N, C-alpha and C. Protein backbone atom coordinates (compact mmCIF):
# COMPACT_ATOMS: atom_id res chain seq x y z
N MET A 1 -167.33 -34.16 -103.23
CA MET A 1 -167.15 -33.34 -102.03
C MET A 1 -165.73 -32.82 -102.02
N ARG A 2 -165.61 -31.53 -101.86
CA ARG A 2 -164.28 -30.93 -101.88
C ARG A 2 -164.04 -30.22 -100.56
N GLY A 3 -162.93 -30.57 -99.90
CA GLY A 3 -162.58 -29.93 -98.64
C GLY A 3 -161.11 -29.57 -98.66
N GLU A 4 -160.61 -29.21 -97.50
CA GLU A 4 -159.21 -28.84 -97.38
C GLU A 4 -158.33 -30.01 -97.79
N GLY A 5 -157.40 -29.75 -98.70
CA GLY A 5 -156.47 -30.79 -99.14
C GLY A 5 -157.05 -31.74 -100.17
N MET A 6 -158.23 -31.43 -100.68
CA MET A 6 -158.87 -32.30 -101.66
C MET A 6 -158.91 -31.60 -103.02
N ASP A 7 -158.77 -32.39 -104.06
CA ASP A 7 -158.89 -31.81 -105.40
C ASP A 7 -160.35 -31.92 -105.85
N ALA A 8 -160.61 -31.50 -107.08
CA ALA A 8 -161.99 -31.49 -107.59
C ALA A 8 -162.60 -32.88 -107.62
N GLY A 9 -161.77 -33.91 -107.79
CA GLY A 9 -162.27 -35.29 -107.84
C GLY A 9 -162.46 -35.90 -106.47
N GLY A 10 -162.14 -35.17 -105.41
CA GLY A 10 -162.30 -35.70 -104.06
C GLY A 10 -161.09 -36.45 -103.55
N ASP A 11 -160.01 -36.45 -104.33
CA ASP A 11 -158.78 -37.12 -103.90
C ASP A 11 -157.90 -36.14 -103.12
N MET A 12 -157.06 -36.69 -102.27
CA MET A 12 -156.13 -35.83 -101.53
C MET A 12 -155.07 -35.27 -102.46
N THR A 13 -154.75 -34.00 -102.26
CA THR A 13 -153.70 -33.38 -103.05
C THR A 13 -152.34 -33.83 -102.54
N ALA A 14 -151.33 -33.75 -103.40
CA ALA A 14 -149.98 -34.18 -103.02
C ALA A 14 -149.46 -33.42 -101.80
N PRO A 15 -149.61 -32.08 -101.73
CA PRO A 15 -149.12 -31.38 -100.53
C PRO A 15 -149.84 -31.84 -99.26
N PHE A 16 -151.14 -32.13 -99.37
CA PHE A 16 -151.90 -32.59 -98.21
C PHE A 16 -151.43 -33.98 -97.79
N LYS A 17 -151.19 -34.86 -98.75
CA LYS A 17 -150.68 -36.20 -98.43
C LYS A 17 -149.33 -36.08 -97.71
N LYS A 18 -148.48 -35.18 -98.23
CA LYS A 18 -147.16 -34.99 -97.62
C LYS A 18 -147.30 -34.48 -96.18
N GLN A 19 -148.24 -33.56 -95.97
CA GLN A 19 -148.48 -33.01 -94.63
C GLN A 19 -148.94 -34.12 -93.68
N ILE A 20 -149.85 -34.96 -94.14
CA ILE A 20 -150.34 -36.07 -93.30
C ILE A 20 -149.20 -37.04 -93.02
N TYR A 21 -148.42 -37.38 -94.05
CA TYR A 21 -147.30 -38.31 -93.88
C TYR A 21 -146.28 -37.74 -92.91
N SER A 22 -145.96 -36.45 -93.05
CA SER A 22 -144.97 -35.82 -92.17
C SER A 22 -145.47 -35.83 -90.73
N LYS A 23 -146.74 -35.53 -90.56
CA LYS A 23 -147.30 -35.51 -89.22
C LYS A 23 -147.23 -36.89 -88.60
N SER A 24 -147.59 -37.89 -89.38
CA SER A 24 -147.57 -39.23 -88.80
C SER A 24 -146.13 -39.67 -88.53
N MET A 25 -145.18 -39.22 -89.33
CA MET A 25 -143.77 -39.54 -89.06
C MET A 25 -143.34 -38.86 -87.76
N GLU A 26 -143.77 -37.62 -87.57
CA GLU A 26 -143.45 -36.91 -86.33
C GLU A 26 -144.08 -37.61 -85.13
N GLU A 27 -145.33 -38.06 -85.30
CA GLU A 27 -146.00 -38.77 -84.22
C GLU A 27 -145.30 -40.08 -83.90
N MET A 28 -144.89 -40.80 -84.95
CA MET A 28 -144.18 -42.06 -84.72
C MET A 28 -142.85 -41.81 -84.02
N GLU A 29 -142.15 -40.76 -84.42
CA GLU A 29 -140.88 -40.42 -83.77
C GLU A 29 -141.12 -40.08 -82.30
N HIS A 30 -142.18 -39.33 -82.05
CA HIS A 30 -142.53 -38.97 -80.67
C HIS A 30 -142.83 -40.23 -79.86
N GLU A 31 -143.61 -41.15 -80.43
CA GLU A 31 -143.94 -42.39 -79.74
C GLU A 31 -142.69 -43.21 -79.45
N ARG A 32 -141.78 -43.27 -80.43
CA ARG A 32 -140.51 -43.99 -80.22
C ARG A 32 -139.72 -43.37 -79.08
N GLU A 33 -139.67 -42.05 -79.06
CA GLU A 33 -138.93 -41.34 -78.01
C GLU A 33 -139.56 -41.60 -76.64
N MET A 34 -140.89 -41.56 -76.58
CA MET A 34 -141.59 -41.82 -75.32
C MET A 34 -141.34 -43.26 -74.86
N LEU A 35 -141.36 -44.21 -75.78
CA LEU A 35 -141.10 -45.61 -75.45
C LEU A 35 -139.67 -45.77 -74.95
N ARG A 36 -138.72 -45.12 -75.62
CA ARG A 36 -137.32 -45.18 -75.20
C ARG A 36 -137.17 -44.63 -73.78
N MET A 37 -137.80 -43.51 -73.51
CA MET A 37 -137.71 -42.91 -72.18
C MET A 37 -138.35 -43.82 -71.13
N LYS A 38 -139.47 -44.44 -71.48
CA LYS A 38 -140.15 -45.35 -70.55
C LYS A 38 -139.26 -46.55 -70.25
N GLN A 39 -138.63 -47.11 -71.29
CA GLN A 39 -137.74 -48.25 -71.09
C GLN A 39 -136.54 -47.87 -70.23
N GLU A 40 -135.97 -46.70 -70.49
CA GLU A 40 -134.84 -46.24 -69.67
C GLU A 40 -135.26 -46.07 -68.22
N HIS A 41 -136.46 -45.54 -68.00
CA HIS A 41 -136.97 -45.36 -66.64
C HIS A 41 -137.14 -46.71 -65.95
N GLU A 42 -137.73 -47.68 -66.67
CA GLU A 42 -137.93 -49.01 -66.09
C GLU A 42 -136.60 -49.67 -65.74
N ILE A 43 -135.62 -49.53 -66.61
CA ILE A 43 -134.29 -50.10 -66.35
C ILE A 43 -133.67 -49.44 -65.13
N ARG A 44 -133.78 -48.11 -65.06
CA ARG A 44 -133.23 -47.37 -63.92
C ARG A 44 -133.90 -47.81 -62.62
N MET A 45 -135.22 -47.98 -62.65
CA MET A 45 -135.95 -48.41 -61.45
C MET A 45 -135.53 -49.83 -61.04
N GLN A 46 -135.37 -50.73 -62.00
CA GLN A 46 -134.94 -52.10 -61.70
C GLN A 46 -133.54 -52.10 -61.10
N ARG A 47 -132.65 -51.27 -61.66
CA ARG A 47 -131.28 -51.20 -61.15
C ARG A 47 -131.27 -50.65 -59.72
N GLU A 48 -132.04 -49.59 -59.49
CA GLU A 48 -132.10 -49.01 -58.14
C GLU A 48 -132.67 -50.01 -57.15
N LYS A 49 -133.68 -50.76 -57.55
CA LYS A 49 -134.26 -51.78 -56.67
C LYS A 49 -133.24 -52.86 -56.36
N ALA A 50 -132.52 -53.32 -57.38
CA ALA A 50 -131.50 -54.36 -57.18
C ALA A 50 -130.39 -53.85 -56.27
N GLU A 51 -129.97 -52.60 -56.47
CA GLU A 51 -128.93 -52.02 -55.62
C GLU A 51 -129.39 -51.91 -54.18
N ALA A 52 -130.65 -51.52 -53.97
CA ALA A 52 -131.19 -51.41 -52.61
C ALA A 52 -131.25 -52.78 -51.95
N GLU A 53 -131.67 -53.79 -52.72
CA GLU A 53 -131.72 -55.16 -52.17
C GLU A 53 -130.32 -55.64 -51.81
N LEU A 54 -129.34 -55.32 -52.64
CA LEU A 54 -127.96 -55.71 -52.37
C LEU A 54 -127.45 -55.03 -51.09
N ARG A 55 -127.76 -53.73 -50.94
CA ARG A 55 -127.35 -53.03 -49.72
C ARG A 55 -127.99 -53.65 -48.48
N MET A 56 -129.26 -54.02 -48.59
CA MET A 56 -129.95 -54.65 -47.46
C MET A 56 -129.30 -56.00 -47.13
N GLU A 57 -128.96 -56.77 -48.14
CA GLU A 57 -128.32 -58.07 -47.91
C GLU A 57 -126.96 -57.88 -47.24
N GLU A 58 -126.20 -56.89 -47.70
CA GLU A 58 -124.90 -56.61 -47.08
C GLU A 58 -125.07 -56.19 -45.62
N ALA A 59 -126.08 -55.37 -45.35
CA ALA A 59 -126.33 -54.93 -43.97
C ALA A 59 -126.71 -56.13 -43.10
N ARG A 60 -127.52 -57.05 -43.64
CA ARG A 60 -127.88 -58.25 -42.88
C ARG A 60 -126.65 -59.09 -42.56
N LYS A 61 -125.78 -59.25 -43.55
CA LYS A 61 -124.55 -60.04 -43.34
C LYS A 61 -123.70 -59.40 -42.25
N GLU A 62 -123.54 -58.09 -42.31
CA GLU A 62 -122.74 -57.41 -41.29
C GLU A 62 -123.37 -57.54 -39.92
N TRP A 63 -124.70 -57.49 -39.85
CA TRP A 63 -125.39 -57.65 -38.57
C TRP A 63 -125.16 -59.06 -38.01
N VAL A 64 -125.25 -60.08 -38.87
CA VAL A 64 -125.03 -61.46 -38.42
C VAL A 64 -123.60 -61.64 -37.95
N ILE A 65 -122.64 -61.10 -38.70
CA ILE A 65 -121.23 -61.21 -38.30
C ILE A 65 -121.02 -60.53 -36.95
N SER A 66 -121.59 -59.35 -36.78
CA SER A 66 -121.46 -58.63 -35.52
C SER A 66 -122.09 -59.42 -34.38
N LEU A 67 -123.24 -60.00 -34.62
CA LEU A 67 -123.92 -60.80 -33.60
C LEU A 67 -123.08 -62.02 -33.21
N VAL A 68 -122.55 -62.72 -34.20
CA VAL A 68 -121.72 -63.90 -33.93
C VAL A 68 -120.47 -63.51 -33.15
N GLU A 69 -119.82 -62.42 -33.56
CA GLU A 69 -118.63 -61.96 -32.84
C GLU A 69 -118.97 -61.60 -31.40
N SER A 70 -120.11 -60.95 -31.21
CA SER A 70 -120.54 -60.56 -29.87
C SER A 70 -120.81 -61.80 -29.01
N LEU A 71 -121.48 -62.79 -29.59
CA LEU A 71 -121.76 -64.03 -28.85
C LEU A 71 -120.48 -64.79 -28.53
N ASN A 72 -119.56 -64.83 -29.48
CA ASN A 72 -118.28 -65.51 -29.25
C ASN A 72 -117.51 -64.83 -28.12
N LYS A 73 -117.50 -63.50 -28.14
CA LYS A 73 -116.80 -62.74 -27.11
C LYS A 73 -117.44 -63.02 -25.74
N ARG A 74 -118.76 -63.04 -25.68
CA ARG A 74 -119.46 -63.30 -24.43
C ARG A 74 -119.15 -64.72 -23.92
N ASP A 75 -119.12 -65.69 -24.84
CA ASP A 75 -118.84 -67.08 -24.45
C ASP A 75 -117.43 -67.23 -23.89
N ARG A 76 -116.49 -66.44 -24.41
CA ARG A 76 -115.11 -66.54 -23.93
C ARG A 76 -114.94 -65.93 -22.55
N GLU A 77 -115.81 -65.03 -22.20
CA GLU A 77 -115.66 -64.34 -20.91
C GLU A 77 -116.20 -65.13 -19.76
């Protein structure tokens, strides 16, 4: 059986093998790039979440300090 990229014996021709190899190298490079972008996105999301949690904790601390100061002031009066 002879088709595109096949020689008379049914084996793949060298140019066809190279084309398949190049395509799969391009696909692998694309997959690596997509994985890298996904990992960067996940890291960015984790960092943003941690920063938001830190801001919330700081806001809670300031609220508690303000409440304690307010109660202390009221007790002194």
